[in-house]
């Protein structure tokens, strides 16, 4: 199948206190759609995980018209773009029951060797995914800007945040952001997300976090021993007059 389709009804466990789809759950759904479609395309765990190859996300972005609410039915579509050397572009579109776009997203994926923890050339392992063009692709993601000033604190990666790749799952960074941002942002309308994952964090690692509330959103970044781990930017719609 060139385009993956997944119908779902938002559960109470998927939502935040405002009864909207939680960011970490949104990106978990995108992640699982990527895995499921890759399997449908013949490049499942037998070609990757079982051979010591791990799928990782390097960059993501999302344009959000509206986050779906509790008990709302949605349709999630996902499809691959043309492979770019080491990177696998992937696109996503979440729709309401009338076909209106709720969330449009793009991501760049790569394959990492489980032992060396280095990105590998997919053709060396026979991993090939044919890209498609639907006309509904949004631009590929770019790295978000760094916080300037703001607040800092140290976070230690717990066991519960670690996934089957042996590192902190990318979706958990959204939980970090929502737990640290000013409370008034929780009630605002989220319209954009940008993330970059530059280096993995393992269980027990300490991450130096830097955060900043900006005029239109919230920035969060993390580093370890001076090396950049991740950046995250959330953009909110301006308050109505």
C-alpha atoms as a PDB file:
ATOM      1  CA  UNK A   1       0.000   0.000   0.000  1.00  0.00           C
ATOM      2  CA  UNK A   2       1.470   3.364  -1.040  1.00  0.00           C
ATOM      3  CA  UNK A   3      -0.494   5.290   1.628  1.00  0.00           C
ATOM      4  CA  UNK A   4      -1.139   3.836   5.079  1.00  0.00           C
ATOM      5  CA  UNK A   5      -4.603   4.364   6.628  1.00  0.00           C
ATOM      6  CA  UNK A   6      -5.533   3.979  10.290  1.00  0.00           C
ATOM      7  CA  UNK A   7      -8.964   4.716  11.761  1.00  0.00           C
ATOM      8  CA  UNK A   8      -9.107   5.415  15.476  1.00  0.00           C
ATOM      9  CA  UNK A   9     -11.316   6.930  18.180  1.00  0.00           C
ATOM     10  CA  UNK A  10      -9.528   9.091  20.760  1.00  0.00           C
ATOM     11  CA  UNK A  11      -9.516   7.416  24.201  1.00  0.00           C
ATOM     12  CA  UNK A  12      -9.577   9.134  27.585  1.00  0.00           C
ATOM     13  CA  UNK A  13      -6.010   7.906  28.185  1.00  0.00           C
ATOM     14  CA  UNK A  14      -4.913   9.751  25.015  1.00  0.00           C
ATOM     15  CA  UNK A  15      -5.973  13.162  26.277  1.00  0.00           C
ATOM     16  CA  UNK A  16      -4.799  15.914  28.597  1.00  0.00           C
ATOM     17  CA  UNK A  17      -6.773  17.838  31.224  1.00  0.00           C
ATOM     18  CA  UNK A  18      -8.369  19.888  28.434  1.00  0.00           C
ATOM     19  CA  UNK A  19      -9.681  16.684  26.805  1.00  0.00           C
ATOM     20  CA  UNK A  20      -7.493  17.206  23.752  1.00  0.00           C
ATOM     21  CA  UNK A  21      -5.067  14.699  22.280  1.00  0.00           C
ATOM     22  CA  UNK A  22      -1.863  14.871  24.294  1.00  0.00           C
ATOM     23  CA  UNK A  23       1.242  15.792  22.291  1.00  0.00           C
ATOM     24  CA  UNK A  24       3.182  12.700  23.342  1.00  0.00           C
ATOM     25  CA  UNK A  25       0.253  10.525  22.228  1.00  0.00           C
ATOM     26  CA  UNK A  26      -0.013  12.346  18.903  1.00  0.00           C
ATOM     27  CA  UNK A  27       3.613  11.664  18.081  1.00  0.00           C
ATOM     28  CA  UNK A  28       3.341   8.103  19.382  1.00  0.00           C
ATOM     29  CA  UNK A  29       0.545   7.569  16.854  1.00  0.00           C
ATOM     30  CA  UNK A  30       2.718   8.990  14.072  1.00  0.00           C
ATOM     31  CA  UNK A  31       5.596   6.762  15.178  1.00  0.00           C
ATOM     32  CA  UNK A  32       3.446   3.624  15.234  1.00  0.00           C
ATOM     33  CA  UNK A  33       1.963   4.457  11.824  1.00  0.00           C
ATOM     34  CA  UNK A  34       5.493   4.713  10.433  1.00  0.00           C
ATOM     35  CA  UNK A  35       6.409   1.300  11.829  1.00  0.00           C
ATOM     36  CA  UNK A  36       3.191  -0.352  10.660  1.00  0.00           C
ATOM     37  CA  UNK A  37       3.475   1.019   7.124  1.00  0.00           C
ATOM     38  CA  UNK A  38       7.156   0.121   6.844  1.00  0.00           C
ATOM     39  CA  UNK A  39       6.174  -3.435   7.769  1.00  0.00           C
ATOM     40  CA  UNK A  40       3.419  -3.438   5.124  1.00  0.00           C
ATOM     41  CA  UNK A  41       6.018  -2.335   2.570  1.00  0.00           C
ATOM     42  CA  UNK A  42       8.175  -5.394   3.321  1.00  0.00           C
ATOM     43  CA  UNK A  43      10.773  -3.658   5.479  1.00  0.00           C
ATOM     44  CA  UNK A  44       9.622  -4.798   8.916  1.00  0.00           C
ATOM     45  CA  UNK A  45      11.577  -6.084  11.896  1.00  0.00           C
ATOM     46  CA  UNK A  46      13.026  -9.052   9.981  1.00  0.00           C
ATOM     47  CA  UNK A  47      14.910  -6.579   7.778  1.00  0.00           C
ATOM     48  CA  UNK A  48      15.819  -4.149  10.552  1.00  0.00           C
ATOM     49  CA  UNK A  49      15.333  -4.798  14.290  1.00  0.00           C
ATOM     50  CA  UNK A  50      16.117  -8.513  14.132  1.00  0.00           C
ATOM     51  CA  UNK A  51      19.354  -7.671  12.292  1.00  0.00           C
ATOM     52  CA  UNK A  52      20.468  -5.055  14.823  1.00  0.00           C
ATOM     53  CA  UNK A  53      19.171  -2.018  12.918  1.00  0.00           C
ATOM     54  CA  UNK A  54      17.099   0.573  14.770  1.00  0.00           C
ATOM     55  CA  UNK A  55      14.748   3.135  13.247  1.00  0.00           C
ATOM     56  CA  UNK A  56      15.346   6.602  14.722  1.00  0.00           C
ATOM     57  CA  UNK A  57      13.776  10.020  14.142  1.00  0.00           C
ATOM     58  CA  UNK A  58      16.123  12.931  13.475  1.00  0.00           C
ATOM     59  CA  UNK A  59      13.745  15.806  12.714  1.00  0.00           C
ATOM     60  CA  UNK A  60       9.977  16.319  12.943  1.00  0.00           C
ATOM     61  CA  UNK A  61       7.482  19.082  12.373  1.00  0.00           C
ATOM     62  CA  UNK A  62       3.712  19.391  12.556  1.00  0.00           C
ATOM     63  CA  UNK A  63       1.178  21.974  11.471  1.00  0.00           C
ATOM     64  CA  UNK A  64      -1.874  21.787  13.696  1.00  0.00           C
ATOM     65  CA  UNK A  65      -5.297  23.072  12.732  1.00  0.00           C
ATOM     66  CA  UNK A  66      -6.916  21.467  15.754  1.00  0.00           C
ATOM     67  CA  UNK A  67      -5.992  18.668  18.130  1.00  0.00           C
ATOM     68  CA  UNK A  68      -8.771  16.046  18.208  1.00  0.00           C
ATOM     69  CA  UNK A  69     -10.848  15.732  21.368  1.00  0.00           C
ATOM     70  CA  UNK A  70     -11.832  12.821  23.588  1.00  0.00           C
ATOM     71  CA  UNK A  71     -14.096  10.265  21.870  1.00  0.00           C
ATOM     72  CA  UNK A  72     -13.570  11.852  18.440  1.00  0.00           C
ATOM     73  CA  UNK A  73     -13.051   9.504  15.461  1.00  0.00           C
ATOM     74  CA  UNK A  74     -10.032  10.295  13.296  1.00  0.00           C
ATOM     75  CA  UNK A  75      -8.327   8.942  10.208  1.00  0.00           C
ATOM     76  CA  UNK A  76      -4.526   8.942  10.097  1.00  0.00           C
ATOM     77  CA  UNK A  77      -2.729   8.645   6.773  1.00  0.00           C
ATOM     78  CA  UNK A  78       1.027   8.193   6.337  1.00  0.00           C
ATOM     79  CA  UNK A  79       3.304   7.730   3.335  1.00  0.00           C
ATOM     80  CA  UNK A  80       7.036   7.733   2.529  1.00  0.00           C
ATOM     81  CA  UNK A  81       8.890  10.312   0.489  1.00  0.00           C
ATOM     82  CA  UNK A  82      11.880   9.680  -1.760  1.00  0.00           C
ATOM     83  CA  UNK A  83      14.876   8.372   0.211  1.00  0.00           C
ATOM     84  CA  UNK A  84      17.583  11.019   0.655  1.00  0.00           C
ATOM     85  CA  UNK A  85      20.960   9.259   0.965  1.00  0.00           C
ATOM     86  CA  UNK A  86      20.846   8.313   4.685  1.00  0.00           C
ATOM     87  CA  UNK A  87      17.410   9.717   5.432  1.00  0.00           C
ATOM     88  CA  UNK A  88      13.874   8.448   4.912  1.00  0.00           C
ATOM     89  CA  UNK A  89      11.299  11.267   4.644  1.00  0.00           C
ATOM     90  CA  UNK A  90       7.799  10.440   5.851  1.00  0.00           C
ATOM     91  CA  UNK A  91       4.581  12.421   5.794  1.00  0.00           C
ATOM     92  CA  UNK A  92       1.405  12.296   7.878  1.00  0.00           C
ATOM     93  CA  UNK A  93      -2.118  13.683   7.704  1.00  0.00           C
ATOM     94  CA  UNK A  94      -4.692  13.309  10.484  1.00  0.00           C
ATOM     95  CA  UNK A  95      -8.283  14.059   9.455  1.00  0.00           C
ATOM     96  CA  UNK A  96     -11.656  14.417  11.152  1.00  0.00           C
ATOM     97  CA  UNK A  97     -14.706  12.422  10.018  1.00  0.00           C
ATOM     98  CA  UNK A  98     -15.451  15.004   7.304  1.00  0.00           C
ATOM     99  CA  UNK A  99     -11.965  14.728   5.815  1.00  0.00           C
ATOM    100  CA  UNK A 100     -10.732  18.052   7.171  1.00  0.00           C
ATOM    101  CA  UNK A 101      -7.052  18.185   8.128  1.00  0.00           C
ATOM    102  CA  UNK A 102      -6.461  18.244  11.872  1.00  0.00           C
ATOM    103  CA  UNK A 103      -2.691  17.675  11.837  1.00  0.00           C
ATOM    104  CA  UNK A 104      -0.195  17.636   8.948  1.00  0.00           C
ATOM    105  CA  UNK A 105       3.328  16.490   9.714  1.00  0.00           C
ATOM    106  CA  UNK A 106       6.647  15.447   8.238  1.00  0.00           C
ATOM    107  CA  UNK A 107       9.676  13.644   9.626  1.00  0.00           C
ATOM    108  CA  UNK A 108      13.137  12.443   8.666  1.00  0.00           C
ATOM    109  CA  UNK A 109      13.990   8.906   9.774  1.00  0.00           C
ATOM    110  CA  UNK A 110      17.296   7.033   9.676  1.00  0.00           C
ATOM    111  CA  UNK A 111      18.684   3.602  10.542  1.00  0.00           C
ATOM    112  CA  UNK A 112      21.161   3.192  13.396  1.00  0.00           C
ATOM    113  CA  UNK A 113      23.396   0.213  14.153  1.00  0.00           C
ATOM    114  CA  UNK A 114      22.394  -1.160  17.560  1.00  0.00           C
ATOM    115  CA  UNK A 115      25.979  -1.947  18.565  1.00  0.00           C
ATOM    116  CA  UNK A 116      27.922   1.037  17.227  1.00  0.00           C
ATOM    117  CA  UNK A 117      25.034   3.538  17.738  1.00  0.00           C
ATOM    118  CA  UNK A 118      25.934   5.086  14.384  1.00  0.00           C
ATOM    119  CA  UNK A 119      23.683   5.884  11.431  1.00  0.00           C
ATOM    120  CA  UNK A 120      24.175   3.413   8.567  1.00  0.00           C
ATOM    121  CA  UNK A 121      23.684   3.427   4.802  1.00  0.00           C
ATOM    122  CA  UNK A 122      20.380   1.617   4.182  1.00  0.00           C
ATOM    123  CA  UNK A 123      21.434   0.204   0.802  1.00  0.00           C
ATOM    124  CA  UNK A 124      24.243  -1.706   2.523  1.00  0.00           C
ATOM    125  CA  UNK A 125      21.542  -3.760   4.254  1.00  0.00           C
ATOM    126  CA  UNK A 126      19.043  -3.968   1.429  1.00  0.00           C
ATOM    127  CA  UNK A 127      16.589  -1.615   3.098  1.00  0.00           C
ATOM    128  CA  UNK A 128      14.683   0.178   0.358  1.00  0.00           C
ATOM    129  CA  UNK A 129      11.418   2.112   0.577  1.00  0.00           C
ATOM    130  CA  UNK A 130       9.860   3.547  -2.541  1.00  0.00           C
ATOM    131  CA  UNK A 131       8.631   7.084  -2.103  1.00  0.00           C
ATOM    132  CA  UNK A 132       5.294   8.390  -3.320  1.00  0.00           C
ATOM    133  CA  UNK A 133       3.920  11.867  -3.994  1.00  0.00           C
ATOM    134  CA  UNK A 134       0.323  12.679  -3.030  1.00  0.00           C
ATOM    135  CA  UNK A 135       0.303  16.461  -3.349  1.00  0.00           C
ATOM    136  CA  UNK A 136      -0.540  16.800   0.342  1.00  0.00           C
ATOM    137  CA  UNK A 137       3.052  16.886   1.620  1.00  0.00           C
ATOM    138  CA  UNK A 138       4.127  19.737   3.861  1.00  0.00           C
ATOM    139  CA  UNK A 139       7.788  20.875   3.770  1.00  0.00           C
ATOM    140  CA  UNK A 140      10.370  18.660   5.405  1.00  0.00           C
ATOM    141  CA  UNK A 141      11.352  19.692   8.943  1.00  0.00           C
ATOM    142  CA  UNK A 142      14.184  22.026   9.898  1.00  0.00           C
ATOM    143  CA  UNK A 143      15.938  22.376  13.238  1.00  0.00           C
ATOM    144  CA  UNK A 144      14.171  24.692  15.734  1.00  0.00           C
ATOM    145  CA  UNK A 145      15.947  27.636  17.320  1.00  0.00           C
ATOM    146  CA  UNK A 146      17.675  27.394  20.682  1.00  0.00           C
ATOM    147  CA  UNK A 147      16.319  28.981  23.864  1.00  0.00           C
ATOM    148  CA  UNK A 148      18.060  32.209  24.863  1.00  0.00           C
ATOM    149  CA  UNK A 149      18.332  32.726  28.581  1.00  0.00           C
ATOM    150  CA  UNK A 150      15.264  31.356  30.299  1.00  0.00           C
ATOM    151  CA  UNK A 151      15.462  28.642  32.940  1.00  0.00           C
ATOM    152  CA  UNK A 152      17.700  25.586  33.377  1.00  0.00           C
ATOM    153  CA  UNK A 153      17.410  22.379  35.365  1.00  0.00           C
ATOM    154  CA  UNK A 154      18.702  18.803  35.243  1.00  0.00           C
ATOM    155  CA  UNK A 155      16.537  15.831  34.309  1.00  0.00           C
ATOM    156  CA  UNK A 156      17.582  12.203  34.827  1.00  0.00           C
ATOM    157  CA  UNK A 157      16.177   9.705  32.317  1.00  0.00           C
ATOM    158  CA  UNK A 158      14.061   7.096  34.164  1.00  0.00           C
ATOM    159  CA  UNK A 159      13.566   3.476  33.117  1.00  0.00           C
ATOM    160  CA  UNK A 160       9.944   4.156  32.080  1.00  0.00           C
ATOM    161  CA  UNK A 161      11.067   6.671  29.411  1.00  0.00           C
ATOM    162  CA  UNK A 162      13.333   4.157  27.618  1.00  0.00           C
ATOM    163  CA  UNK A 163      12.024   2.315  24.539  1.00  0.00           C
ATOM    164  CA  UNK A 164      13.072  -0.853  22.689  1.00  0.00           C
ATOM    165  CA  UNK A 165      15.913   1.064  21.045  1.00  0.00           C
ATOM    166  CA  UNK A 166      17.508   1.415  24.480  1.00  0.00           C
ATOM    167  CA  UNK A 167      17.174   5.187  24.694  1.00  0.00           C
ATOM    168  CA  UNK A 168      14.679   7.836  25.771  1.00  0.00           C
ATOM    169  CA  UNK A 169      11.798   7.710  23.294  1.00  0.00           C
ATOM    170  CA  UNK A 170      11.344  10.845  21.205  1.00  0.00           C
ATOM    171  CA  UNK A 171       7.720  11.271  22.319  1.00  0.00           C
ATOM    172  CA  UNK A 172       8.764  11.708  25.954  1.00  0.00           C
ATOM    173  CA  UNK A 173      10.395  15.046  25.197  1.00  0.00           C
ATOM    174  CA  UNK A 174       6.906  16.464  24.720  1.00  0.00           C
ATOM    175  CA  UNK A 175       6.000  15.370  28.234  1.00  0.00           C
ATOM    176  CA  UNK A 176       9.114  17.160  29.502  1.00  0.00           C
ATOM    177  CA  UNK A 177       8.029  20.332  27.716  1.00  0.00           C
ATOM    178  CA  UNK A 178       4.438  20.247  28.934  1.00  0.00           C
ATOM    179  CA  UNK A 179       5.529  19.589  32.513  1.00  0.00           C
ATOM    180  CA  UNK A 180       7.819  22.631  32.481  1.00  0.00           C
ATOM    181  CA  UNK A 181       6.030  25.248  30.400  1.00  0.00           C
ATOM    182  CA  UNK A 182       4.020  28.089  31.995  1.00  0.00           C
ATOM    183  CA  UNK A 183       0.565  26.819  32.966  1.00  0.00           C
ATOM    184  CA  UNK A 184      -1.224  29.429  30.887  1.00  0.00           C
ATOM    185  CA  UNK A 185       0.125  27.835  27.691  1.00  0.00           C
ATOM    186  CA  UNK A 186      -1.842  24.651  28.348  1.00  0.00           C
ATOM    187  CA  UNK A 187      -5.083  26.450  27.527  1.00  0.00           C
ATOM    188  CA  UNK A 188      -3.786  28.114  24.344  1.00  0.00           C
ATOM    189  CA  UNK A 189      -4.243  26.801  20.795  1.00  0.00           C
ATOM    190  CA  UNK A 190      -1.161  24.922  19.593  1.00  0.00           C
ATOM    191  CA  UNK A 191      -0.471  25.486  15.882  1.00  0.00           C
ATOM    192  CA  UNK A 192       3.071  24.245  15.281  1.00  0.00           C
ATOM    193  CA  UNK A 193       5.731  21.818  16.506  1.00  0.00           C
ATOM    194  CA  UNK A 194       9.384  21.472  15.511  1.00  0.00           C
ATOM    195  CA  UNK A 195      11.844  18.964  16.988  1.00  0.00           C
ATOM    196  CA  UNK A 196      15.421  17.877  16.425  1.00  0.00           C
ATOM    197  CA  UNK A 197      17.018  14.779  17.973  1.00  0.00           C
ATOM    198  CA  UNK A 198      20.790  15.069  17.648  1.00  0.00           C
ATOM    199  CA  UNK A 199      22.048  12.524  20.185  1.00  0.00           C
ATOM    200  CA  UNK A 200      20.399   9.782  22.209  1.00  0.00           C
ATOM    201  CA  UNK A 201      19.885   9.789  25.967  1.00  0.00           C
ATOM    202  CA  UNK A 202      20.081   6.479  27.862  1.00  0.00           C
ATOM    203  CA  UNK A 203      18.587   5.370  31.167  1.00  0.00           C
ATOM    204  CA  UNK A 204      20.210   7.197  34.084  1.00  0.00           C
ATOM    205  CA  UNK A 205      21.689   9.942  31.904  1.00  0.00           C
ATOM    206  CA  UNK A 206      21.470  13.468  33.254  1.00  0.00           C
ATOM    207  CA  UNK A 207      20.215  16.049  30.756  1.00  0.00           C
ATOM    208  CA  UNK A 208      20.825  19.757  31.253  1.00  0.00           C
ATOM    209  CA  UNK A 209      17.564  21.358  30.136  1.00  0.00           C
ATOM    210  CA  UNK A 210      17.184  24.952  28.974  1.00  0.00           C
ATOM    211  CA  UNK A 211      13.738  26.433  28.440  1.00  0.00           C
ATOM    212  CA  UNK A 212      12.256  29.752  27.383  1.00  0.00           C
ATOM    213  CA  UNK A 213       8.713  31.062  27.040  1.00  0.00           C
ATOM    214  CA  UNK A 214       8.619  33.280  23.946  1.00  0.00           C
ATOM    215  CA  UNK A 215       6.084  35.744  22.566  1.00  0.00           C
ATOM    216  CA  UNK A 216       4.454  33.022  20.484  1.00  0.00           C
ATOM    217  CA  UNK A 217       5.386  29.768  22.200  1.00  0.00           C
ATOM    218  CA  UNK A 218       7.834  27.698  24.166  1.00  0.00           C
ATOM    219  CA  UNK A 219      11.371  26.410  23.529  1.00  0.00           C
ATOM    220  CA  UNK A 220      13.110  23.502  25.253  1.00  0.00           C
ATOM    221  CA  UNK A 221      16.542  22.041  24.591  1.00  0.00           C
ATOM    222  CA  UNK A 222      18.819  19.533  26.259  1.00  0.00           C
ATOM    223  CA  UNK A 223      22.538  18.819  26.322  1.00  0.00           C
ATOM    224  CA  UNK A 224      24.933  16.421  27.982  1.00  0.00           C
ATOM    225  CA  UNK A 225      28.591  17.248  28.654  1.00  0.00           C
ATOM    226  CA  UNK A 226      28.295  20.176  26.254  1.00  0.00           C
ATOM    227  CA  UNK A 227      26.871  18.072  23.417  1.00  0.00           C
ATOM    228  CA  UNK A 228      23.447  18.900  21.995  1.00  0.00           C
ATOM    229  CA  UNK A 229      20.833  16.179  22.579  1.00  0.00           C
ATOM    230  CA  UNK A 230      17.584  17.726  21.355  1.00  0.00           C
ATOM    231  CA  UNK A 231      15.672  20.907  20.573  1.00  0.00           C
ATOM    232  CA  UNK A 232      11.929  21.413  20.664  1.00  0.00           C
ATOM    233  CA  UNK A 233       9.773  24.397  19.719  1.00  0.00           C
ATOM    234  CA  UNK A 234       6.030  24.766  20.285  1.00  0.00           C
ATOM    235  CA  UNK A 235       4.132  27.612  18.590  1.00  0.00           C
ATOM    236  CA  UNK A 236       0.746  28.897  19.772  1.00  0.00           C
ATOM    237  CA  UNK A 237      -1.888  31.016  18.058  1.00  0.00           C
ATOM    238  CA  UNK A 238      -2.055  34.618  19.288  1.00  0.00           C
ATOM    239  CA  UNK A 239      -4.805  35.504  21.732  1.00  0.00           C
ATOM    240  CA  UNK A 240      -7.943  36.844  20.101  1.00  0.00           C
ATOM    241  CA  UNK A 241      -8.609  40.528  20.692  1.00  0.00           C
END
